[in-house]
N, C-alpha and C. Protein backbone atom coordinates (compact mmCIF):
# COMPACT_ATOMS: atom_id res chain seq x y z
N MET A 1 -53.22 27.66 -40.05
CA MET A 1 -52.17 26.75 -39.38
C MET A 1 -51.02 27.27 -38.70
N ALA A 2 -51.45 25.81 -37.43
CA ALA A 2 -50.17 26.04 -36.46
C ALA A 2 -49.17 24.55 -36.38
N TYR A 3 -47.74 24.87 -35.52
CA TYR A 3 -47.12 23.89 -35.35
C TYR A 3 -46.98 23.97 -34.11
N LEU A 4 -47.34 22.59 -33.80
CA LEU A 4 -46.99 21.95 -31.90
C LEU A 4 -45.73 20.74 -31.87
N VAL A 5 -45.65 20.53 -31.06
CA VAL A 5 -44.53 19.47 -30.58
C VAL A 5 -45.55 18.56 -29.36
N LEU A 6 -46.09 17.28 -30.01
CA LEU A 6 -46.73 16.51 -29.27
C LEU A 6 -45.90 15.48 -28.49
N ALA A 7 -45.82 14.39 -27.34
CA ALA A 7 -45.41 13.46 -27.02
C ALA A 7 -46.88 12.68 -26.96
N TYR A 8 -46.79 11.93 -27.30
CA TYR A 8 -47.28 10.45 -27.82
C TYR A 8 -47.18 9.77 -26.76
N PRO A 9 -47.53 9.21 -25.22
CA PRO A 9 -47.04 8.42 -24.42
C PRO A 9 -47.39 6.83 -25.07
N GLU A 10 -46.16 6.27 -24.31
CA GLU A 10 -46.12 4.77 -24.80
C GLU A 10 -47.14 4.51 -23.79
N LEU A 11 -48.16 3.35 -23.65
CA LEU A 11 -49.27 2.90 -22.68
C LEU A 11 -49.24 1.63 -22.93
N THR A 12 -49.27 0.66 -22.13
CA THR A 12 -49.81 -0.36 -21.70
C THR A 12 -51.57 -0.44 -22.59
N SER A 13 -51.60 -1.61 -23.39
CA SER A 13 -52.69 -1.79 -23.97
C SER A 13 -53.65 -1.26 -23.09
N GLU A 14 -53.90 -1.86 -21.71
CA GLU A 14 -54.92 -1.47 -21.04
C GLU A 14 -55.25 0.02 -20.52
N SER A 15 -53.67 0.69 -20.37
CA SER A 15 -54.01 2.20 -19.81
C SER A 15 -54.30 3.05 -20.89
N PHE A 16 -54.39 2.37 -22.73
CA PHE A 16 -54.42 3.25 -23.26
C PHE A 16 -56.18 3.23 -23.51
N ASP A 17 -56.44 2.28 -23.67
CA ASP A 17 -57.92 1.67 -23.90
C ASP A 17 -58.96 2.19 -23.02
N ARG A 18 -58.38 2.43 -21.28
CA ARG A 18 -59.10 3.21 -20.07
C ARG A 18 -59.29 4.68 -20.55
N ILE A 19 -57.92 5.15 -20.74
CA ILE A 19 -58.16 6.43 -21.17
C ILE A 19 -59.15 7.22 -22.52
N GLN A 20 -58.91 6.30 -23.42
CA GLN A 20 -59.36 6.27 -24.75
C GLN A 20 -60.85 6.12 -24.60
N SER A 21 -61.59 5.33 -23.45
CA SER A 21 -63.07 4.92 -23.50
C SER A 21 -63.55 6.10 -22.80
N TYR A 22 -62.35 6.59 -21.93
CA TYR A 22 -63.19 7.87 -21.01
C TYR A 22 -63.16 8.75 -22.09
N ARG A 23 -62.48 9.26 -22.52
CA ARG A 23 -62.25 10.65 -24.04
C ARG A 23 -63.77 10.50 -24.74
N LYS A 24 -64.17 9.64 -25.44
CA LYS A 24 -65.05 8.77 -26.04
C LYS A 24 -66.01 9.64 -25.46
N ASP A 25 -66.45 9.24 -24.10
CA ASP A 25 -67.43 9.78 -23.01
C ASP A 25 -67.61 11.37 -23.14
N ASN A 26 -66.30 11.74 -22.80
CA ASN A 26 -65.99 13.01 -22.42
C ASN A 26 -65.27 14.13 -22.52
N ASP A 27 -64.93 13.70 -23.78
CA ASP A 27 -64.04 14.84 -24.68
C ASP A 27 -64.20 15.31 -25.84
N GLU A 28 -65.55 16.13 -25.79
CA GLU A 28 -65.82 16.51 -26.98
C GLU A 28 -65.17 17.57 -27.67
N LEU A 29 -64.45 18.31 -27.32
CA LEU A 29 -63.49 18.72 -28.03
C LEU A 29 -62.51 18.26 -29.00
N PHE A 30 -61.32 16.78 -28.53
CA PHE A 30 -60.41 16.85 -29.25
C PHE A 30 -60.35 15.46 -29.35
N PHE A 31 -61.79 14.66 -29.08
CA PHE A 31 -61.17 12.93 -29.05
C PHE A 31 -61.37 12.36 -30.66
N ASN A 32 -62.11 12.82 -31.29
CA ASN A 32 -61.69 12.62 -32.33
C ASN A 32 -60.66 13.24 -33.33
N VAL A 33 -59.84 14.32 -32.69
CA VAL A 33 -58.92 14.96 -33.13
C VAL A 33 -57.57 13.95 -32.93
N VAL A 34 -57.26 14.13 -31.74
CA VAL A 34 -55.89 13.28 -31.84
C VAL A 34 -55.86 12.61 -30.69
N ASN A 35 -54.99 11.66 -30.31
CA ASN A 35 -54.72 10.28 -29.59
C ASN A 35 -54.39 10.98 -28.41
N PRO A 36 -54.43 10.13 -27.30
CA PRO A 36 -54.30 10.80 -25.65
C PRO A 36 -52.39 11.49 -25.78
N HIS A 37 -52.04 12.49 -25.03
CA HIS A 37 -50.83 12.96 -25.80
C HIS A 37 -50.56 13.80 -24.53
N PHE A 38 -49.35 14.32 -24.60
CA PHE A 38 -48.66 15.96 -23.13
C PHE A 38 -48.62 16.54 -24.77
N THR A 39 -48.87 17.98 -24.62
CA THR A 39 -48.22 19.05 -25.62
C THR A 39 -47.09 19.29 -25.11
N ILE A 40 -45.75 19.43 -25.73
CA ILE A 40 -44.82 20.34 -25.08
C ILE A 40 -44.69 21.60 -26.06
N VAL A 41 -44.97 21.97 -26.53
CA VAL A 41 -45.13 23.34 -27.69
C VAL A 41 -46.57 23.36 -28.14
N PHE A 42 -47.05 24.43 -27.65
CA PHE A 42 -48.42 24.62 -28.16
C PHE A 42 -48.26 25.18 -29.47
N PRO A 43 -49.55 25.90 -30.08
CA PRO A 43 -49.67 25.97 -31.23
C PRO A 43 -48.89 27.22 -31.74
N VAL A 44 -48.38 27.33 -32.46
CA VAL A 44 -46.89 28.15 -33.14
C VAL A 44 -47.47 28.71 -34.00
N PHE A 45 -47.82 29.48 -34.84
CA PHE A 45 -48.19 30.33 -35.81
C PHE A 45 -47.30 31.24 -36.93
N ASP A 46 -46.51 31.44 -36.11
CA ASP A 46 -45.35 32.68 -36.67
C ASP A 46 -44.29 32.17 -37.36
N ILE A 47 -44.03 31.13 -37.83
CA ILE A 47 -42.85 30.76 -37.93
C ILE A 47 -42.56 29.24 -39.33
N SER A 48 -42.55 29.17 -39.92
CA SER A 48 -42.19 28.46 -41.33
C SER A 48 -42.68 27.01 -40.67
N GLU A 49 -42.58 26.05 -41.65
CA GLU A 49 -42.52 24.84 -41.11
C GLU A 49 -40.91 23.81 -40.94
N GLU A 50 -40.36 24.71 -42.53
CA GLU A 50 -39.00 24.20 -42.11
C GLU A 50 -37.77 24.59 -40.77
N GLU A 51 -38.54 25.86 -40.26
CA GLU A 51 -37.59 26.93 -39.16
C GLU A 51 -38.04 26.04 -38.00
N PHE A 52 -39.50 26.13 -37.72
CA PHE A 52 -40.53 24.99 -36.50
C PHE A 52 -39.27 23.76 -36.54
N THR A 53 -39.67 23.02 -37.49
CA THR A 53 -39.26 21.44 -37.64
C THR A 53 -37.35 21.92 -36.96
N ARG A 54 -36.70 22.11 -37.83
CA ARG A 54 -35.06 22.84 -37.62
C ARG A 54 -34.90 22.82 -36.30
N GLU A 55 -35.80 23.99 -35.35
CA GLU A 55 -35.41 24.29 -34.00
C GLU A 55 -35.98 23.36 -33.51
N VAL A 56 -36.62 22.45 -33.42
CA VAL A 56 -36.86 21.62 -32.54
C VAL A 56 -36.01 20.16 -32.77
N LYS A 57 -35.81 20.19 -33.55
CA LYS A 57 -34.74 18.67 -34.01
C LYS A 57 -33.74 19.48 -32.83
N ASP A 58 -32.82 20.70 -33.12
CA ASP A 58 -32.06 21.04 -32.77
C ASP A 58 -32.04 21.34 -31.35
N LYS A 59 -33.08 21.40 -30.65
CA LYS A 59 -33.03 21.92 -29.05
C LYS A 59 -33.54 20.51 -28.76
N SER A 60 -34.04 19.62 -29.40
CA SER A 60 -34.04 18.78 -28.39
C SER A 60 -33.20 17.45 -28.90
N ALA A 61 -32.52 17.94 -29.48
CA ALA A 61 -30.99 16.80 -30.10
C ALA A 61 -30.21 15.74 -28.97
N ASN A 62 -30.40 16.62 -27.76
CA ASN A 62 -29.23 15.83 -26.47
C ASN A 62 -30.44 14.80 -25.66
N SER A 63 -32.26 15.26 -25.84
CA SER A 63 -32.55 15.13 -25.10
C SER A 63 -32.91 13.17 -24.92
N VAL A 64 -33.40 13.14 -23.70
CA VAL A 64 -33.53 11.38 -23.38
C VAL A 64 -35.09 11.07 -22.68
N LYS A 65 -35.02 9.81 -23.26
CA LYS A 65 -36.32 9.19 -22.79
C LYS A 65 -36.72 9.40 -21.56
N PHE A 66 -37.38 8.86 -21.26
CA PHE A 66 -37.64 9.02 -19.75
C PHE A 66 -39.45 8.40 -19.40
N ASP A 67 -39.61 7.82 -18.04
CA ASP A 67 -40.71 7.05 -18.08
C ASP A 67 -41.53 8.15 -17.19
N PHE A 68 -42.88 7.99 -17.21
CA PHE A 68 -43.43 9.01 -16.03
C PHE A 68 -44.95 7.63 -15.46
N ILE A 69 -45.30 8.45 -14.74
CA ILE A 69 -46.53 7.74 -13.64
C ILE A 69 -47.86 8.99 -13.39
N ILE A 70 -48.55 8.71 -13.59
CA ILE A 70 -50.04 9.09 -13.55
C ILE A 70 -50.45 8.42 -12.10
N ARG A 71 -51.04 8.92 -11.21
CA ARG A 71 -51.58 8.71 -10.23
C ARG A 71 -52.94 9.56 -9.85
N CYS A 72 -53.01 10.65 -10.48
CA CYS A 72 -54.02 12.17 -10.17
C CYS A 72 -54.81 12.49 -11.36
N ALA A 73 -55.87 13.45 -11.11
CA ALA A 73 -56.57 13.82 -11.71
C ALA A 73 -57.37 15.26 -11.68
N THR A 74 -57.27 16.14 -12.71
CA THR A 74 -56.91 17.84 -11.91
C THR A 74 -57.83 18.38 -12.86
N ILE A 75 -58.39 19.75 -12.32
CA ILE A 75 -59.50 20.22 -13.15
C ILE A 75 -58.55 21.33 -13.55
N ASN A 76 -58.89 22.19 -14.87
CA ASN A 76 -58.27 23.30 -15.49
C ASN A 76 -59.03 24.32 -15.96
N LYS A 77 -59.08 25.19 -15.73
CA LYS A 77 -59.97 26.51 -16.50
C LYS A 77 -58.89 26.58 -17.74
N ASP A 78 -59.85 26.53 -18.91
CA ASP A 78 -59.23 27.22 -20.64
C ASP A 78 -59.26 28.72 -20.63
N ALA A 79 -58.19 29.50 -20.55
CA ALA A 79 -57.86 30.91 -20.85
C ALA A 79 -58.26 31.35 -22.44
N PHE A 80 -58.55 30.41 -22.91
CA PHE A 80 -59.13 31.23 -24.13
C PHE A 80 -60.50 30.88 -24.48
N SER A 81 -61.26 29.99 -23.64
CA SER A 81 -62.78 29.98 -24.08
C SER A 81 -63.64 30.08 -22.91
N ASP A 82 -64.89 29.17 -22.85
CA ASP A 82 -65.56 29.00 -21.67
C ASP A 82 -65.89 27.95 -21.16
N TYR A 83 -64.48 26.90 -21.30
CA TYR A 83 -64.29 25.37 -21.38
C TYR A 83 -63.30 25.35 -20.15
N PHE A 84 -63.66 24.21 -18.92
CA PHE A 84 -62.85 23.34 -18.21
C PHE A 84 -62.56 22.36 -18.35
N HIS A 85 -61.07 22.06 -18.33
CA HIS A 85 -60.47 20.26 -18.61
C HIS A 85 -60.22 19.74 -17.39
N THR A 86 -60.23 18.19 -17.84
CA THR A 86 -59.70 17.39 -17.13
C THR A 86 -58.29 16.76 -17.34
N PHE A 87 -58.00 17.21 -16.47
CA PHE A 87 -56.58 16.69 -17.16
C PHE A 87 -55.93 15.18 -15.90
N LEU A 88 -54.92 14.50 -16.80
CA LEU A 88 -54.82 13.34 -15.84
C LEU A 88 -52.73 13.95 -15.93
N VAL A 89 -52.32 14.42 -14.51
CA VAL A 89 -50.76 14.79 -14.41
C VAL A 89 -50.10 13.71 -13.94
N PRO A 90 -48.98 13.84 -14.06
CA PRO A 90 -47.95 12.64 -13.52
C PRO A 90 -47.59 13.35 -12.62
N ASP A 91 -47.48 12.38 -11.50
CA ASP A 91 -46.38 12.48 -10.40
C ASP A 91 -45.04 12.55 -10.51
N GLU A 92 -44.35 11.65 -11.18
CA GLU A 92 -43.27 11.17 -11.87
C GLU A 92 -43.09 11.55 -13.05
N GLY A 93 -41.89 12.29 -13.21
CA GLY A 93 -42.20 12.49 -15.11
C GLY A 93 -42.49 13.65 -14.92
N TYR A 94 -43.05 14.98 -14.08
CA TYR A 94 -43.53 15.89 -14.18
C TYR A 94 -42.40 17.20 -14.64
N SER A 95 -41.20 16.80 -13.79
CA SER A 95 -40.51 17.91 -13.67
C SER A 95 -39.55 17.61 -15.15
N ARG A 96 -39.36 16.55 -16.02
CA ARG A 96 -38.58 16.04 -16.63
C ARG A 96 -39.38 16.68 -18.33
N ILE A 97 -40.97 16.82 -18.11
CA ILE A 97 -41.42 17.25 -18.91
C ILE A 97 -41.77 18.99 -19.04
N VAL A 98 -41.67 19.42 -18.02
CA VAL A 98 -41.50 20.85 -17.96
C VAL A 98 -39.89 21.32 -18.31
N LYS A 99 -38.89 20.59 -17.75
CA LYS A 99 -37.55 20.88 -18.52
C LYS A 99 -37.90 20.91 -19.72
N LEU A 100 -38.16 19.60 -20.79
CA LEU A 100 -38.16 19.71 -22.05
C LEU A 100 -38.91 20.77 -22.98
N HIS A 101 -40.10 21.14 -22.04
CA HIS A 101 -41.08 22.39 -22.56
C HIS A 101 -39.88 23.27 -22.40
N ASP A 102 -39.61 23.32 -21.60
CA ASP A 102 -38.53 25.08 -21.26
C ASP A 102 -37.43 25.25 -22.07
N LYS A 103 -36.83 23.92 -22.35
CA LYS A 103 -35.83 23.75 -23.74
C LYS A 103 -36.19 24.09 -24.79
N LEU A 104 -37.22 23.30 -25.42
CA LEU A 104 -37.67 24.00 -26.60
C LEU A 104 -38.03 25.58 -26.99
N TYR A 105 -38.84 25.79 -26.14
CA TYR A 105 -39.06 27.34 -25.94
C TYR A 105 -37.78 28.22 -25.69
N SER A 106 -36.44 27.89 -25.60
CA SER A 106 -35.55 28.14 -25.37
C SER A 106 -34.75 29.72 -25.65
N ASP A 107 -35.37 29.18 -27.39
CA ASP A 107 -34.11 30.41 -28.58
C ASP A 107 -35.63 30.74 -29.32
N LYS A 108 -35.81 30.40 -30.61
CA LYS A 108 -36.51 30.72 -31.62
C LYS A 108 -37.86 31.15 -31.15
N LEU A 109 -38.11 30.16 -30.43
CA LEU A 109 -39.62 29.88 -29.89
C LEU A 109 -40.14 30.86 -28.40
N LYS A 110 -39.43 31.42 -28.35
CA LYS A 110 -39.39 32.07 -26.95
C LYS A 110 -40.31 33.21 -27.00
N ASP A 111 -40.69 33.70 -27.90
CA ASP A 111 -41.91 35.02 -27.80
C ASP A 111 -43.16 33.72 -27.78
N ASN A 112 -43.28 33.06 -28.42
CA ASN A 112 -44.21 32.05 -28.07
C ASN A 112 -44.98 31.82 -26.66
N LEU A 113 -43.51 31.77 -25.99
CA LEU A 113 -44.04 31.08 -24.79
C LEU A 113 -44.83 32.32 -24.42
N ARG A 114 -45.68 31.48 -23.38
CA ARG A 114 -47.09 32.13 -22.21
C ARG A 114 -46.63 32.20 -21.28
N LEU A 115 -46.07 33.07 -20.53
CA LEU A 115 -45.48 33.57 -19.51
C LEU A 115 -46.40 33.89 -18.01
N ASP A 116 -47.89 34.08 -18.89
CA ASP A 116 -48.81 34.27 -18.36
C ASP A 116 -49.56 32.85 -17.20
N LEU A 117 -49.01 31.99 -18.31
CA LEU A 117 -50.19 30.70 -17.79
C LEU A 117 -49.09 29.37 -17.18
N ASP A 118 -49.44 28.76 -16.20
CA ASP A 118 -48.45 28.01 -15.70
C ASP A 118 -48.92 26.76 -16.86
N PHE A 119 -47.84 25.87 -17.39
CA PHE A 119 -47.79 25.19 -17.78
C PHE A 119 -47.94 23.59 -16.81
N VAL A 120 -48.68 23.02 -16.96
CA VAL A 120 -49.24 22.25 -16.47
C VAL A 120 -49.09 20.96 -17.19
N PRO A 121 -47.69 19.67 -17.47
CA PRO A 121 -47.68 18.48 -18.30
C PRO A 121 -48.96 18.01 -18.11
N HIS A 122 -50.07 17.62 -18.81
CA HIS A 122 -51.29 16.70 -18.52
C HIS A 122 -51.19 15.65 -19.77
N ILE A 123 -52.23 14.81 -19.64
CA ILE A 123 -53.32 14.05 -20.70
C ILE A 123 -54.44 14.50 -20.74
N GLY A 124 -54.97 15.11 -21.30
CA GLY A 124 -56.73 15.90 -21.96
C GLY A 124 -57.62 15.06 -21.80
N ILE A 125 -58.56 14.45 -20.77
CA ILE A 125 -59.34 13.37 -20.71
C ILE A 125 -60.70 13.82 -20.78
N GLY A 126 -61.19 15.11 -20.82
CA GLY A 126 -62.57 15.34 -21.03
C GLY A 126 -62.26 17.33 -20.69
N ASN A 127 -63.67 17.65 -21.07
CA ASN A 127 -63.58 18.85 -20.72
C ASN A 127 -65.21 19.46 -21.26
N SER A 128 -66.02 20.34 -20.32
CA SER A 128 -67.00 21.11 -20.41
C SER A 128 -66.95 22.60 -20.25
N GLN A 129 -68.41 22.84 -20.58
CA GLN A 129 -68.35 24.27 -20.06
C GLN A 129 -68.61 24.62 -18.74
N ASP A 130 -69.36 23.46 -18.40
CA ASP A 130 -69.95 23.04 -16.55
C ASP A 130 -69.13 22.73 -16.30
N ARG A 131 -68.52 23.78 -15.02
CA ARG A 131 -67.18 23.35 -14.38
C ARG A 131 -67.69 22.11 -13.56
N TYR A 132 -68.34 21.82 -13.14
CA TYR A 132 -69.13 21.22 -12.31
C TYR A 132 -68.93 19.41 -12.68
N LYS A 133 -69.20 19.43 -13.95
CA LYS A 133 -69.23 17.99 -14.28
C LYS A 133 -67.77 18.18 -14.72
N CYS A 134 -67.18 18.76 -15.36
CA CYS A 134 -65.63 18.64 -15.03
C CYS A 134 -64.97 18.16 -13.56
N LYS A 135 -65.18 18.86 -12.46
CA LYS A 135 -65.18 18.09 -11.20
C LYS A 135 -65.78 16.76 -10.93
N LYS A 136 -66.93 16.63 -11.46
CA LYS A 136 -67.31 14.86 -11.37
C LYS A 136 -66.47 13.91 -12.51
N MET A 137 -65.71 14.78 -12.96
CA MET A 137 -65.26 13.71 -13.72
C MET A 137 -63.34 13.69 -13.22
N VAL A 138 -63.19 14.43 -12.48
CA VAL A 138 -62.32 14.39 -11.35
C VAL A 138 -61.56 13.51 -10.15
N ASP A 139 -63.52 13.99 -9.57
CA ASP A 139 -63.43 12.84 -8.51
C ASP A 139 -63.68 11.34 -8.53
N GLU A 140 -64.35 10.98 -10.21
CA GLU A 140 -64.38 9.44 -10.71
C GLU A 140 -62.94 9.00 -9.92
N TRP A 141 -62.01 9.61 -11.29
CA TRP A 141 -60.89 9.47 -11.16
C TRP A 141 -59.98 9.20 -9.97
N ASN A 142 -60.68 9.97 -9.10
CA ASN A 142 -59.36 10.47 -8.04
C ASN A 142 -60.08 9.57 -6.79
N LYS A 143 -61.47 9.17 -6.63
CA LYS A 143 -61.74 8.07 -5.37
C LYS A 143 -61.34 6.98 -5.02
N LYS A 144 -60.71 6.58 -6.29
CA LYS A 144 -59.92 5.39 -6.03
C LYS A 144 -58.89 5.08 -6.27
N GLU A 145 -57.84 4.67 -5.88
CA GLU A 145 -56.16 4.61 -6.24
C GLU A 145 -55.75 4.32 -7.90
N PHE A 146 -55.29 4.66 -8.57
CA PHE A 146 -55.03 4.20 -9.74
C PHE A 146 -53.58 4.42 -10.21
N GLU A 147 -53.24 3.71 -11.37
CA GLU A 147 -51.79 4.68 -11.36
C GLU A 147 -51.38 3.98 -13.27
N LEU A 148 -51.07 4.54 -13.87
CA LEU A 148 -50.83 4.63 -15.58
C LEU A 148 -49.61 5.14 -15.42
N GLN A 149 -48.67 4.14 -15.62
CA GLN A 149 -46.99 4.17 -15.98
C GLN A 149 -46.76 4.46 -17.90
N GLY A 150 -46.24 4.88 -18.14
CA GLY A 150 -45.65 5.04 -19.52
C GLY A 150 -44.45 5.81 -19.85
N THR A 151 -44.08 5.76 -20.96
CA THR A 151 -42.76 6.00 -21.10
C THR A 151 -42.68 7.38 -22.50
N ILE A 152 -42.01 8.53 -22.26
CA ILE A 152 -41.90 9.33 -23.24
C ILE A 152 -40.46 9.15 -24.06
N SER A 153 -40.91 8.63 -25.90
CA SER A 153 -39.48 8.04 -26.20
C SER A 153 -39.23 8.98 -27.28
N ARG A 154 -40.40 9.66 -27.73
CA ARG A 154 -40.20 10.45 -28.96
C ARG A 154 -40.97 11.61 -29.18
N LEU A 155 -41.37 12.77 -29.59
CA LEU A 155 -41.41 13.67 -29.50
C LEU A 155 -41.69 14.25 -31.71
N THR A 156 -43.37 14.32 -31.13
CA THR A 156 -44.00 14.20 -33.14
C THR A 156 -44.20 15.66 -32.85
N ILE A 157 -43.90 16.47 -34.27
CA ILE A 157 -43.89 17.41 -34.51
C ILE A 157 -45.23 17.38 -35.74
N VAL A 158 -46.25 18.29 -35.64
CA VAL A 158 -47.10 18.20 -36.06
C VAL A 158 -47.59 19.57 -36.91
N ARG A 159 -48.69 19.53 -37.52
CA ARG A 159 -48.97 20.54 -38.24
C ARG A 159 -50.61 20.44 -37.91
N TYR A 160 -51.60 21.05 -37.34
CA TYR A 160 -53.11 21.78 -37.30
C TYR A 160 -53.75 22.70 -37.74
N GLU A 161 -54.70 22.17 -38.16
CA GLU A 161 -55.20 22.94 -39.19
C GLU A 161 -56.90 22.36 -39.58
N ASP A 162 -57.73 23.45 -39.36
CA ASP A 162 -59.20 22.43 -39.92
C ASP A 162 -59.42 21.59 -38.33
N ASP A 163 -58.90 21.36 -37.49
CA ASP A 163 -59.02 20.30 -36.23
C ASP A 163 -58.65 18.60 -37.16
N VAL A 164 -57.81 18.93 -37.78
CA VAL A 164 -56.86 17.45 -38.46
C VAL A 164 -55.20 18.20 -37.89
N VAL A 165 -55.12 16.59 -37.32
CA VAL A 165 -53.67 16.66 -36.80
C VAL A 165 -52.47 15.90 -37.11
N THR A 166 -51.65 16.66 -38.52
CA THR A 166 -51.05 15.60 -39.70
C THR A 166 -49.77 16.22 -38.88
N THR A 167 -49.06 14.24 -38.88
CA THR A 167 -47.81 14.14 -38.60
C THR A 167 -46.73 15.07 -39.50
N ILE A 168 -45.89 15.86 -39.14
CA ILE A 168 -44.41 16.23 -40.10
C ILE A 168 -43.28 15.28 -39.70
N GLU A 169 -42.89 15.33 -38.01
CA GLU A 169 -41.67 14.25 -38.51
C GLU A 169 -41.58 13.86 -36.56
N GLU A 170 -41.41 12.85 -36.70
CA GLU A 170 -40.82 12.24 -35.25
C GLU A 170 -39.30 12.34 -35.04
N ILE A 171 -39.32 12.72 -33.65
CA ILE A 171 -38.33 12.69 -33.41
C ILE A 171 -37.72 11.95 -32.22
N LYS A 172 -36.86 10.62 -32.57
CA LYS A 172 -36.28 9.47 -31.77
C LYS A 172 -35.85 10.56 -30.35
N LEU A 173 -35.97 10.00 -29.16
CA LEU A 173 -35.09 10.46 -27.76
C LEU A 173 -34.09 9.31 -27.20
N LYS A 174 -33.38 9.68 -26.86
CA LYS A 174 -31.81 9.14 -26.70
C LYS A 174 -32.11 7.58 -25.67
């Protein structure tokens, strides 16, 4: 069992449907597990649910909601498996997500922060063990100008076990 912090973006129904339609055909790992999201805190295994929840609530207490705009897809090699991933990465709001991520990892979760991996805020939309398949996905998205606008107004603390994501608590940002 692991605990994570996700930020489910508020998107227009058109943008949400576009992402979900694409994920249905290209996200074999997570489409049936979780809705489109930014992962703010990655799986943590070595802390109790109560302590994890208390820490996230404490560190996010003064955090403010913010907007983001995505105009680009990228490819990323998974550090833990043979998979490659296709990400939608925000142009605007990128630094806000990074700073929120860093803030949550600043105290009791600091030993869980992977300093050997770059944190790239993203919404995952596809994956494959064939890197060229993911490159093709990236090219499909980037061949035409697009813009997905959204807002991050809450953080969701979740439990992840046996490919099931269960909400523990939602934290509304100011």
